[in-house]
């Protein structure tokens, strides 16, 4: 599949029509050298700062959720090497945990009755 992609990219460069190719990778250091040669411009987007992570946590889990006193800054400091997508998924899972616990309790009660 990689070979076919490289062949198609070579074909684009020979074509007189303008084609804009935008590629993204979570692991840019693992990209094939042949692919990197075909991508003329590279922009590295760093992982979010601690402040940005804290803002994301506040967005995904707002203040006052069920009376919780969340230490957003402390949590943000512990999310080293987490991307924005990782943080969103983490918050989603954290929000689902009480619901899963409730479902398990209801199922347990129904089997006991």
C-alpha atoms as a PDB file:
ATOM      1  CA  UNK A   1       0.000   0.000   0.000  1.00  0.00           C
ATOM      2  CA  UNK A   2       2.872   2.351   0.813  1.00  0.00           C
ATOM      3  CA  UNK A   3       4.431   1.725  -2.606  1.00  0.00           C
ATOM      4  CA  UNK A   4       1.155   2.539  -4.373  1.00  0.00           C
ATOM      5  CA  UNK A   5       0.779   5.769  -2.395  1.00  0.00           C
ATOM      6  CA  UNK A   6       4.303   6.847  -3.331  1.00  0.00           C
ATOM      7  CA  UNK A   7       3.667   6.031  -7.014  1.00  0.00           C
ATOM      8  CA  UNK A   8       0.444   8.067  -6.964  1.00  0.00           C
ATOM      9  CA  UNK A   9       2.227  11.003  -5.313  1.00  0.00           C
ATOM     10  CA  UNK A  10       4.912  10.880  -8.020  1.00  0.00           C
ATOM     11  CA  UNK A  11       2.133  10.962 -10.616  1.00  0.00           C
ATOM     12  CA  UNK A  12       0.701  14.089  -9.007  1.00  0.00           C
ATOM     13  CA  UNK A  13       4.030  15.867  -9.303  1.00  0.00           C
ATOM     14  CA  UNK A  14       4.223  15.114 -13.035  1.00  0.00           C
ATOM     15  CA  UNK A  15       0.669  16.340 -13.585  1.00  0.00           C
ATOM     16  CA  UNK A  16       0.298  19.961 -14.728  1.00  0.00           C
ATOM     17  CA  UNK A  17      -2.805  20.474 -12.611  1.00  0.00           C
ATOM     18  CA  UNK A  18      -2.323  21.881  -9.149  1.00  0.00           C
ATOM     19  CA  UNK A  19      -3.101  19.430  -6.394  1.00  0.00           C
ATOM     20  CA  UNK A  20      -2.792  20.282  -2.717  1.00  0.00           C
ATOM     21  CA  UNK A  21      -1.841  17.332  -0.515  1.00  0.00           C
ATOM     22  CA  UNK A  22      -2.184  17.706   3.225  1.00  0.00           C
ATOM     23  CA  UNK A  23      -0.921  14.902   5.437  1.00  0.00           C
ATOM     24  CA  UNK A  24      -0.926  14.522   9.197  1.00  0.00           C
ATOM     25  CA  UNK A  25       0.729  12.042  11.505  1.00  0.00           C
ATOM     26  CA  UNK A  26       0.843  11.468  15.243  1.00  0.00           C
ATOM     27  CA  UNK A  27       4.222   9.794  14.745  1.00  0.00           C
ATOM     28  CA  UNK A  28       6.167  12.002  12.291  1.00  0.00           C
ATOM     29  CA  UNK A  29       9.497  10.433  13.300  1.00  0.00           C
ATOM     30  CA  UNK A  30       8.206   7.072  12.050  1.00  0.00           C
ATOM     31  CA  UNK A  31       7.437   8.282   8.518  1.00  0.00           C
ATOM     32  CA  UNK A  32       9.231   6.617   5.652  1.00  0.00           C
ATOM     33  CA  UNK A  33      12.158   8.612   4.197  1.00  0.00           C
ATOM     34  CA  UNK A  34      10.710   8.263   0.689  1.00  0.00           C
ATOM     35  CA  UNK A  35       7.426   9.782   1.908  1.00  0.00           C
ATOM     36  CA  UNK A  36       9.225  12.652   3.626  1.00  0.00           C
ATOM     37  CA  UNK A  37      11.043  13.493   0.372  1.00  0.00           C
ATOM     38  CA  UNK A  38       7.682  13.913  -1.370  1.00  0.00           C
ATOM     39  CA  UNK A  39       6.291  16.216   1.324  1.00  0.00           C
ATOM     40  CA  UNK A  40       8.060  19.497   0.702  1.00  0.00           C
ATOM     41  CA  UNK A  41       6.835  21.486   3.691  1.00  0.00           C
ATOM     42  CA  UNK A  42       6.686  20.114   7.213  1.00  0.00           C
ATOM     43  CA  UNK A  43       5.136  21.813  10.214  1.00  0.00           C
ATOM     44  CA  UNK A  44       5.507  20.294  13.648  1.00  0.00           C
ATOM     45  CA  UNK A  45       2.579  21.024  15.939  1.00  0.00           C
ATOM     46  CA  UNK A  46       3.701  20.490  19.500  1.00  0.00           C
ATOM     47  CA  UNK A  47       1.607  18.913  22.205  1.00  0.00           C
ATOM     48  CA  UNK A  48      -0.543  21.348  24.163  1.00  0.00           C
ATOM     49  CA  UNK A  49       0.978  23.364  27.002  1.00  0.00           C
ATOM     50  CA  UNK A  50      -0.102  22.810  30.600  1.00  0.00           C
ATOM     51  CA  UNK A  51      -2.350  25.885  30.325  1.00  0.00           C
ATOM     52  CA  UNK A  52      -3.977  24.549  27.165  1.00  0.00           C
ATOM     53  CA  UNK A  53      -4.469  21.153  28.804  1.00  0.00           C
ATOM     54  CA  UNK A  54      -6.118  22.822  31.783  1.00  0.00           C
ATOM     55  CA  UNK A  55      -8.446  24.736  29.441  1.00  0.00           C
ATOM     56  CA  UNK A  56      -9.355  21.490  27.684  1.00  0.00           C
ATOM     57  CA  UNK A  57     -10.111  19.793  31.003  1.00  0.00           C
ATOM     58  CA  UNK A  58     -12.332  22.722  32.000  1.00  0.00           C
ATOM     59  CA  UNK A  59     -14.118  22.498  28.650  1.00  0.00           C
ATOM     60  CA  UNK A  60     -14.671  18.747  28.697  1.00  0.00           C
ATOM     61  CA  UNK A  61     -15.484  18.512  32.440  1.00  0.00           C
ATOM     62  CA  UNK A  62     -17.007  21.836  33.536  1.00  0.00           C
ATOM     63  CA  UNK A  63     -16.830  23.166  37.107  1.00  0.00           C
ATOM     64  CA  UNK A  64     -19.524  21.967  39.465  1.00  0.00           C
ATOM     65  CA  UNK A  65     -20.158  18.597  37.848  1.00  0.00           C
ATOM     66  CA  UNK A  66     -22.050  16.765  40.590  1.00  0.00           C
ATOM     67  CA  UNK A  67     -20.425  18.979  43.207  1.00  0.00           C
ATOM     68  CA  UNK A  68     -16.881  17.850  42.432  1.00  0.00           C
ATOM     69  CA  UNK A  69     -14.023  20.159  43.324  1.00  0.00           C
ATOM     70  CA  UNK A  70     -11.655  19.332  40.489  1.00  0.00           C
ATOM     71  CA  UNK A  71      -8.009  20.380  40.644  1.00  0.00           C
ATOM     72  CA  UNK A  72      -7.663  21.159  36.936  1.00  0.00           C
ATOM     73  CA  UNK A  73      -4.107  22.511  37.180  1.00  0.00           C
ATOM     74  CA  UNK A  74      -2.911  19.465  39.092  1.00  0.00           C
ATOM     75  CA  UNK A  75      -4.504  17.128  36.552  1.00  0.00           C
ATOM     76  CA  UNK A  76      -3.091  19.132  33.631  1.00  0.00           C
ATOM     77  CA  UNK A  77       0.412  18.857  35.097  1.00  0.00           C
ATOM     78  CA  UNK A  78       0.055  15.056  35.161  1.00  0.00           C
ATOM     79  CA  UNK A  79      -0.876  14.789  31.471  1.00  0.00           C
ATOM     80  CA  UNK A  80       2.636  14.881  30.038  1.00  0.00           C
ATOM     81  CA  UNK A  81       2.794  13.567  26.442  1.00  0.00           C
ATOM     82  CA  UNK A  82      -1.026  13.683  26.088  1.00  0.00           C
ATOM     83  CA  UNK A  83      -2.425  15.179  22.896  1.00  0.00           C
ATOM     84  CA  UNK A  84      -5.678  17.123  22.734  1.00  0.00           C
ATOM     85  CA  UNK A  85      -7.384  14.022  21.389  1.00  0.00           C
ATOM     86  CA  UNK A  86      -5.993  11.926  24.252  1.00  0.00           C
ATOM     87  CA  UNK A  87      -7.323  14.438  26.787  1.00  0.00           C
ATOM     88  CA  UNK A  88     -10.773  14.485  25.187  1.00  0.00           C
ATOM     89  CA  UNK A  89     -10.941  10.684  25.305  1.00  0.00           C
ATOM     90  CA  UNK A  90      -9.702  10.635  28.912  1.00  0.00           C
ATOM     91  CA  UNK A  91     -12.428  13.100  29.953  1.00  0.00           C
ATOM     92  CA  UNK A  92     -15.078  11.123  28.092  1.00  0.00           C
ATOM     93  CA  UNK A  93     -14.029   7.938  29.883  1.00  0.00           C
ATOM     94  CA  UNK A  94     -13.948   9.738  33.249  1.00  0.00           C
ATOM     95  CA  UNK A  95     -17.482  11.033  32.701  1.00  0.00           C
ATOM     96  CA  UNK A  96     -18.722   7.563  31.749  1.00  0.00           C
ATOM     97  CA  UNK A  97     -17.320   5.840  34.857  1.00  0.00           C
ATOM     98  CA  UNK A  98     -20.173   6.880  37.222  1.00  0.00           C
ATOM     99  CA  UNK A  99     -22.719   5.840  34.595  1.00  0.00           C
ATOM    100  CA  UNK A 100     -21.085   2.437  34.177  1.00  0.00           C
ATOM    101  CA  UNK A 101     -21.050   2.015  37.957  1.00  0.00           C
ATOM    102  CA  UNK A 102     -24.753   2.870  38.126  1.00  0.00           C
ATOM    103  CA  UNK A 103     -25.585   0.415  35.326  1.00  0.00           C
ATOM    104  CA  UNK A 104     -23.629  -2.332  37.124  1.00  0.00           C
ATOM    105  CA  UNK A 105     -25.521  -1.601  40.366  1.00  0.00           C
ATOM    106  CA  UNK A 106     -28.903  -1.738  38.595  1.00  0.00           C
ATOM    107  CA  UNK A 107     -27.966  -5.013  36.892  1.00  0.00           C
ATOM    108  CA  UNK A 108     -26.815  -6.470  40.216  1.00  0.00           C
ATOM    109  CA  UNK A 109     -30.063  -5.447  41.902  1.00  0.00           C
ATOM    110  CA  UNK A 110     -32.149  -6.957  39.116  1.00  0.00           C
ATOM    111  CA  UNK A 111     -30.322 -10.288  39.367  1.00  0.00           C
ATOM    112  CA  UNK A 112     -30.738 -10.338  43.162  1.00  0.00           C
ATOM    113  CA  UNK A 113     -34.510  -9.795  42.910  1.00  0.00           C
END
